[in-house]
């Protein structure tokens, strides 16, 4: 039996209970905002930053969404590795080619 890692923030969001005061940004919100800033200003992701969701959880980042190549998936991960306070990156981004190859 294999189990998949489920960060505590995902478990918490499934319970629909608030974890912090919503009037001011939490550390997770600040880190997520910094990560989105890195992506938005990265030359390879300026157009595609909307295709990726970023969640900060338990000292790590969980990346989800779609990118056109495995290269972009890895590049995204490496671009975010430099964020302070990040101990791991769970890269769940899926590769989805934008142009399907058609055979006649």
N, C-alpha and C. Protein backbone atom coordinates (compact mmCIF):
# COMPACT_ATOMS: atom_id res chain seq x y z
N UNK A 1 0.84 -1.18 0.00
CA UNK A 1 0.00 0.00 0.00
C UNK A 1 0.88 1.24 0.00
N UNK A 2 0.70 2.10 -0.99
CA UNK A 2 1.50 3.31 -1.05
C UNK A 2 0.67 4.49 -0.59
N UNK A 3 1.30 5.36 0.17
CA UNK A 3 0.59 6.56 0.60
C UNK A 3 1.27 7.76 -0.02
N UNK A 4 0.50 8.76 -0.35
CA UNK A 4 1.07 9.96 -0.91
C UNK A 4 1.16 11.00 0.18
N UNK A 5 2.20 11.82 0.09
CA UNK A 5 2.41 12.88 1.05
C UNK A 5 1.30 13.91 0.91
N UNK A 6 0.67 14.25 2.02
CA UNK A 6 -0.36 15.28 2.01
C UNK A 6 0.02 16.32 3.06
N UNK A 7 0.52 17.48 2.60
CA UNK A 7 0.95 18.50 3.56
C UNK A 7 -0.18 18.90 4.49
N UNK A 8 0.19 19.34 5.67
CA UNK A 8 -0.79 19.74 6.68
C UNK A 8 -1.69 20.86 6.18
N UNK A 9 -1.17 21.75 5.32
CA UNK A 9 -2.02 22.84 4.84
C UNK A 9 -3.15 22.31 3.97
N UNK A 10 -2.93 21.23 3.23
CA UNK A 10 -4.00 20.64 2.44
C UNK A 10 -5.05 20.00 3.35
N UNK A 11 -4.59 19.35 4.39
CA UNK A 11 -5.51 18.74 5.34
C UNK A 11 -6.33 19.85 6.01
N UNK A 12 -5.66 20.93 6.41
CA UNK A 12 -6.34 22.05 7.05
C UNK A 12 -7.37 22.67 6.12
N UNK A 13 -7.03 22.87 4.84
CA UNK A 13 -7.98 23.48 3.92
C UNK A 13 -9.17 22.56 3.67
N UNK A 14 -8.97 21.26 3.75
CA UNK A 14 -10.07 20.33 3.58
C UNK A 14 -11.04 20.39 4.76
N UNK A 15 -10.53 20.78 5.92
CA UNK A 15 -11.37 20.89 7.10
C UNK A 15 -12.15 22.21 7.10
N UNK A 16 -11.73 23.15 6.24
CA UNK A 16 -12.38 24.46 6.13
C UNK A 16 -12.41 25.21 7.45
N UNK A 17 -11.33 25.13 8.21
CA UNK A 17 -11.24 25.90 9.44
C UNK A 17 -10.11 26.90 9.30
N UNK A 18 -10.32 28.14 9.72
CA UNK A 18 -9.27 29.14 9.59
C UNK A 18 -8.11 28.83 10.53
N UNK A 19 -6.90 29.13 10.07
CA UNK A 19 -5.73 28.87 10.88
C UNK A 19 -5.10 30.14 11.41
N UNK A 20 -5.40 31.30 10.78
CA UNK A 20 -4.77 32.53 11.21
C UNK A 20 -5.71 33.70 11.01
N UNK A 21 -5.35 34.82 11.61
CA UNK A 21 -6.08 36.07 11.43
C UNK A 21 -6.00 36.48 9.97
N UNK A 22 -7.13 36.76 9.34
CA UNK A 22 -7.14 37.06 7.91
C UNK A 22 -6.96 38.55 7.63
N UNK A 23 -6.84 39.41 8.67
CA UNK A 23 -6.68 40.84 8.45
C UNK A 23 -5.28 41.22 8.00
N UNK A 24 -4.30 40.43 8.29
CA UNK A 24 -2.94 40.74 7.84
C UNK A 24 -2.32 39.52 7.18
N UNK A 25 -1.41 39.78 6.25
CA UNK A 25 -0.82 38.65 5.52
C UNK A 25 -0.03 37.72 6.45
N UNK A 26 -0.23 36.45 6.26
CA UNK A 26 0.53 35.47 7.03
C UNK A 26 1.89 35.27 6.37
N UNK A 27 2.75 34.56 7.04
CA UNK A 27 4.06 34.25 6.46
C UNK A 27 3.87 33.47 5.16
N UNK A 28 2.92 32.55 5.15
CA UNK A 28 2.66 31.77 3.93
C UNK A 28 2.22 32.67 2.80
N UNK A 29 1.35 33.63 3.07
CA UNK A 29 0.90 34.54 2.02
C UNK A 29 2.05 35.38 1.49
N UNK A 30 2.94 35.82 2.37
CA UNK A 30 4.10 36.61 1.92
C UNK A 30 5.02 35.77 1.05
N UNK A 31 5.27 34.53 1.44
CA UNK A 31 6.15 33.66 0.65
C UNK A 31 5.51 33.35 -0.70
N UNK A 32 4.21 33.07 -0.71
CA UNK A 32 3.51 32.80 -1.97
C UNK A 32 3.57 34.02 -2.89
N UNK A 33 3.41 35.21 -2.31
CA UNK A 33 3.49 36.44 -3.11
C UNK A 33 4.90 36.62 -3.67
N UNK A 34 5.94 36.34 -2.88
CA UNK A 34 7.32 36.43 -3.35
C UNK A 34 7.56 35.43 -4.48
N UNK A 35 7.03 34.23 -4.33
CA UNK A 35 7.20 33.20 -5.36
C UNK A 35 6.53 33.63 -6.67
N UNK A 36 5.30 34.18 -6.58
CA UNK A 36 4.62 34.65 -7.79
C UNK A 36 5.38 35.80 -8.44
N UNK A 37 6.00 36.65 -7.62
CA UNK A 37 6.81 37.75 -8.15
C UNK A 37 8.01 37.22 -8.93
N UNK A 38 8.66 36.20 -8.38
CA UNK A 38 9.80 35.58 -9.08
C UNK A 38 9.36 35.04 -10.43
N UNK A 39 8.23 34.34 -10.44
CA UNK A 39 7.73 33.76 -11.69
C UNK A 39 7.33 34.85 -12.69
N UNK A 40 6.63 35.86 -12.20
CA UNK A 40 6.16 36.92 -13.09
C UNK A 40 7.31 37.70 -13.73
N UNK A 41 8.45 37.73 -13.05
CA UNK A 41 9.60 38.47 -13.58
C UNK A 41 10.66 37.58 -14.23
N UNK A 42 10.41 36.30 -14.27
CA UNK A 42 11.35 35.37 -14.90
C UNK A 42 11.11 35.39 -16.41
N UNK A 43 12.17 35.50 -17.22
CA UNK A 43 11.97 35.60 -18.67
C UNK A 43 11.24 34.42 -19.31
N UNK A 44 11.33 33.25 -18.74
CA UNK A 44 10.66 32.09 -19.32
C UNK A 44 9.20 31.94 -18.90
N UNK A 45 8.79 32.64 -17.83
CA UNK A 45 7.45 32.44 -17.29
C UNK A 45 6.56 33.68 -17.34
N UNK A 46 7.03 34.76 -17.89
CA UNK A 46 6.22 36.00 -17.91
C UNK A 46 4.85 35.77 -18.52
N UNK A 47 4.77 34.96 -19.54
CA UNK A 47 3.50 34.72 -20.22
C UNK A 47 2.73 33.59 -19.54
N UNK A 48 3.43 32.68 -18.87
CA UNK A 48 2.81 31.47 -18.36
C UNK A 48 2.61 31.45 -16.85
N UNK A 49 2.85 32.57 -16.16
CA UNK A 49 2.78 32.53 -14.70
C UNK A 49 1.39 32.16 -14.19
N UNK A 50 0.36 32.38 -14.98
CA UNK A 50 -1.00 32.05 -14.57
C UNK A 50 -1.29 30.55 -14.61
N UNK A 51 -0.41 29.77 -15.24
CA UNK A 51 -0.64 28.33 -15.40
C UNK A 51 -0.19 27.53 -14.18
N UNK A 52 0.37 28.20 -13.18
CA UNK A 52 0.93 27.51 -12.02
C UNK A 52 0.36 28.10 -10.74
N UNK A 53 -0.05 27.23 -9.84
CA UNK A 53 -0.50 27.64 -8.51
C UNK A 53 0.60 27.31 -7.51
N UNK A 54 0.77 28.19 -6.54
CA UNK A 54 1.81 28.03 -5.53
C UNK A 54 1.17 28.07 -4.15
N UNK A 55 1.48 27.07 -3.33
CA UNK A 55 0.99 27.03 -1.96
C UNK A 55 2.17 26.81 -1.03
N UNK A 56 2.30 27.65 -0.02
CA UNK A 56 3.35 27.48 0.98
C UNK A 56 2.77 26.65 2.11
N UNK A 57 3.51 25.63 2.52
CA UNK A 57 2.99 24.72 3.53
C UNK A 57 4.14 24.07 4.30
N UNK A 58 4.12 24.20 5.61
CA UNK A 58 5.10 23.51 6.46
C UNK A 58 6.53 23.73 6.00
N UNK A 59 6.89 24.94 5.62
CA UNK A 59 8.25 25.24 5.22
C UNK A 59 8.59 24.88 3.79
N UNK A 60 7.62 24.39 3.04
CA UNK A 60 7.87 24.02 1.65
C UNK A 60 6.86 24.66 0.72
N UNK A 61 7.10 24.48 -0.57
CA UNK A 61 6.18 24.96 -1.59
C UNK A 61 5.55 23.76 -2.29
N UNK A 62 4.26 23.86 -2.56
CA UNK A 62 3.57 22.86 -3.38
C UNK A 62 3.19 23.58 -4.68
N UNK A 63 3.72 23.07 -5.80
CA UNK A 63 3.47 23.65 -7.11
C UNK A 63 2.50 22.77 -7.87
N UNK A 64 1.43 23.36 -8.40
CA UNK A 64 0.47 22.62 -9.20
C UNK A 64 0.15 23.43 -10.45
N UNK A 65 -0.38 22.77 -11.45
CA UNK A 65 -0.75 23.44 -12.69
C UNK A 65 -0.18 22.72 -13.89
N UNK A 66 -0.04 23.47 -14.98
CA UNK A 66 0.41 22.87 -16.23
C UNK A 66 1.46 23.76 -16.89
N UNK A 67 2.47 23.11 -17.45
CA UNK A 67 3.48 23.79 -18.26
C UNK A 67 3.71 22.94 -19.51
N UNK A 68 4.21 23.57 -20.59
CA UNK A 68 4.30 22.84 -21.86
C UNK A 68 5.44 21.82 -21.96
N UNK A 69 6.48 21.94 -21.13
CA UNK A 69 7.60 21.01 -21.24
C UNK A 69 8.15 20.64 -19.86
N UNK A 70 8.85 19.52 -19.80
CA UNK A 70 9.51 19.10 -18.58
C UNK A 70 10.60 20.11 -18.20
N UNK A 71 11.26 20.68 -19.21
CA UNK A 71 12.29 21.69 -18.97
C UNK A 71 11.71 22.85 -18.17
N UNK A 72 10.53 23.36 -18.57
CA UNK A 72 9.90 24.46 -17.85
C UNK A 72 9.52 24.05 -16.43
N UNK A 73 9.09 22.82 -16.26
CA UNK A 73 8.74 22.32 -14.92
C UNK A 73 9.96 22.38 -14.01
N UNK A 74 11.10 21.91 -14.50
CA UNK A 74 12.33 21.92 -13.71
C UNK A 74 12.84 23.35 -13.50
N UNK A 75 12.75 24.17 -14.53
CA UNK A 75 13.19 25.56 -14.44
C UNK A 75 12.39 26.31 -13.38
N UNK A 76 11.11 26.06 -13.33
CA UNK A 76 10.24 26.68 -12.33
C UNK A 76 10.72 26.31 -10.92
N UNK A 77 10.95 25.05 -10.72
CA UNK A 77 11.40 24.56 -9.41
C UNK A 77 12.70 25.22 -9.00
N UNK A 78 13.65 25.29 -9.92
CA UNK A 78 14.95 25.88 -9.60
C UNK A 78 14.85 27.38 -9.35
N UNK A 79 13.96 28.06 -10.07
CA UNK A 79 13.78 29.49 -9.87
C UNK A 79 13.27 29.81 -8.47
N UNK A 80 12.46 28.92 -7.91
CA UNK A 80 11.87 29.15 -6.59
C UNK A 80 12.70 28.62 -5.44
N UNK A 81 13.69 27.82 -5.75
CA UNK A 81 14.52 27.21 -4.70
C UNK A 81 15.25 28.25 -3.85
N UNK A 82 15.49 29.42 -4.39
CA UNK A 82 16.27 30.44 -3.68
C UNK A 82 15.47 31.21 -2.63
N UNK A 83 14.17 30.98 -2.53
CA UNK A 83 13.36 31.69 -1.55
C UNK A 83 13.79 31.34 -0.13
N UNK A 84 13.92 32.37 0.71
CA UNK A 84 14.28 32.14 2.11
C UNK A 84 13.18 31.37 2.83
N UNK A 85 13.59 30.44 3.67
CA UNK A 85 12.64 29.69 4.48
C UNK A 85 12.05 28.48 3.80
N UNK A 86 12.44 28.19 2.57
CA UNK A 86 11.91 27.04 1.85
C UNK A 86 12.85 25.85 2.05
N UNK A 87 12.30 24.78 2.63
CA UNK A 87 13.12 23.60 2.88
C UNK A 87 12.90 22.50 1.86
N UNK A 88 11.77 22.57 1.12
CA UNK A 88 11.50 21.56 0.08
C UNK A 88 10.50 22.12 -0.92
N UNK A 89 10.50 21.52 -2.09
CA UNK A 89 9.53 21.89 -3.12
C UNK A 89 8.87 20.61 -3.62
N UNK A 90 7.56 20.56 -3.51
CA UNK A 90 6.77 19.44 -4.02
C UNK A 90 6.21 19.87 -5.37
N UNK A 91 6.89 19.48 -6.43
CA UNK A 91 6.55 19.93 -7.78
C UNK A 91 5.54 18.97 -8.40
N UNK A 92 4.26 19.34 -8.33
CA UNK A 92 3.18 18.52 -8.88
C UNK A 92 2.70 19.04 -10.23
N UNK A 93 3.47 19.97 -10.82
CA UNK A 93 3.11 20.53 -12.12
C UNK A 93 3.10 19.42 -13.16
N UNK A 94 2.08 19.42 -14.00
CA UNK A 94 1.96 18.43 -15.07
C UNK A 94 2.43 19.04 -16.39
N UNK A 95 3.04 18.20 -17.20
CA UNK A 95 3.49 18.63 -18.52
C UNK A 95 2.36 18.36 -19.50
N UNK A 96 1.90 19.43 -20.14
CA UNK A 96 0.81 19.33 -21.12
C UNK A 96 1.22 20.11 -22.35
N UNK A 97 1.57 19.40 -23.40
CA UNK A 97 2.02 20.05 -24.63
C UNK A 97 0.93 20.97 -25.17
N UNK A 98 1.33 22.14 -25.60
CA UNK A 98 0.36 23.09 -26.15
C UNK A 98 0.00 22.78 -27.60
N UNK A 99 0.89 22.09 -28.30
CA UNK A 99 0.64 21.72 -29.70
C UNK A 99 0.69 20.21 -29.82
N UNK A 100 -0.42 19.62 -30.07
CA UNK A 100 -0.44 18.16 -30.26
C UNK A 100 0.10 17.82 -31.64
N UNK A 101 0.88 16.76 -31.70
CA UNK A 101 1.43 16.32 -32.98
C UNK A 101 0.36 15.50 -33.69
N UNK A 102 0.06 15.87 -34.88
CA UNK A 102 -0.95 15.15 -35.66
C UNK A 102 -0.30 14.37 -36.79
N UNK A 103 -0.74 13.16 -36.94
CA UNK A 103 -0.26 12.32 -38.05
C UNK A 103 -1.34 12.23 -39.09
N UNK A 104 -0.92 12.22 -40.33
CA UNK A 104 -1.89 12.12 -41.42
C UNK A 104 -2.07 10.68 -41.82
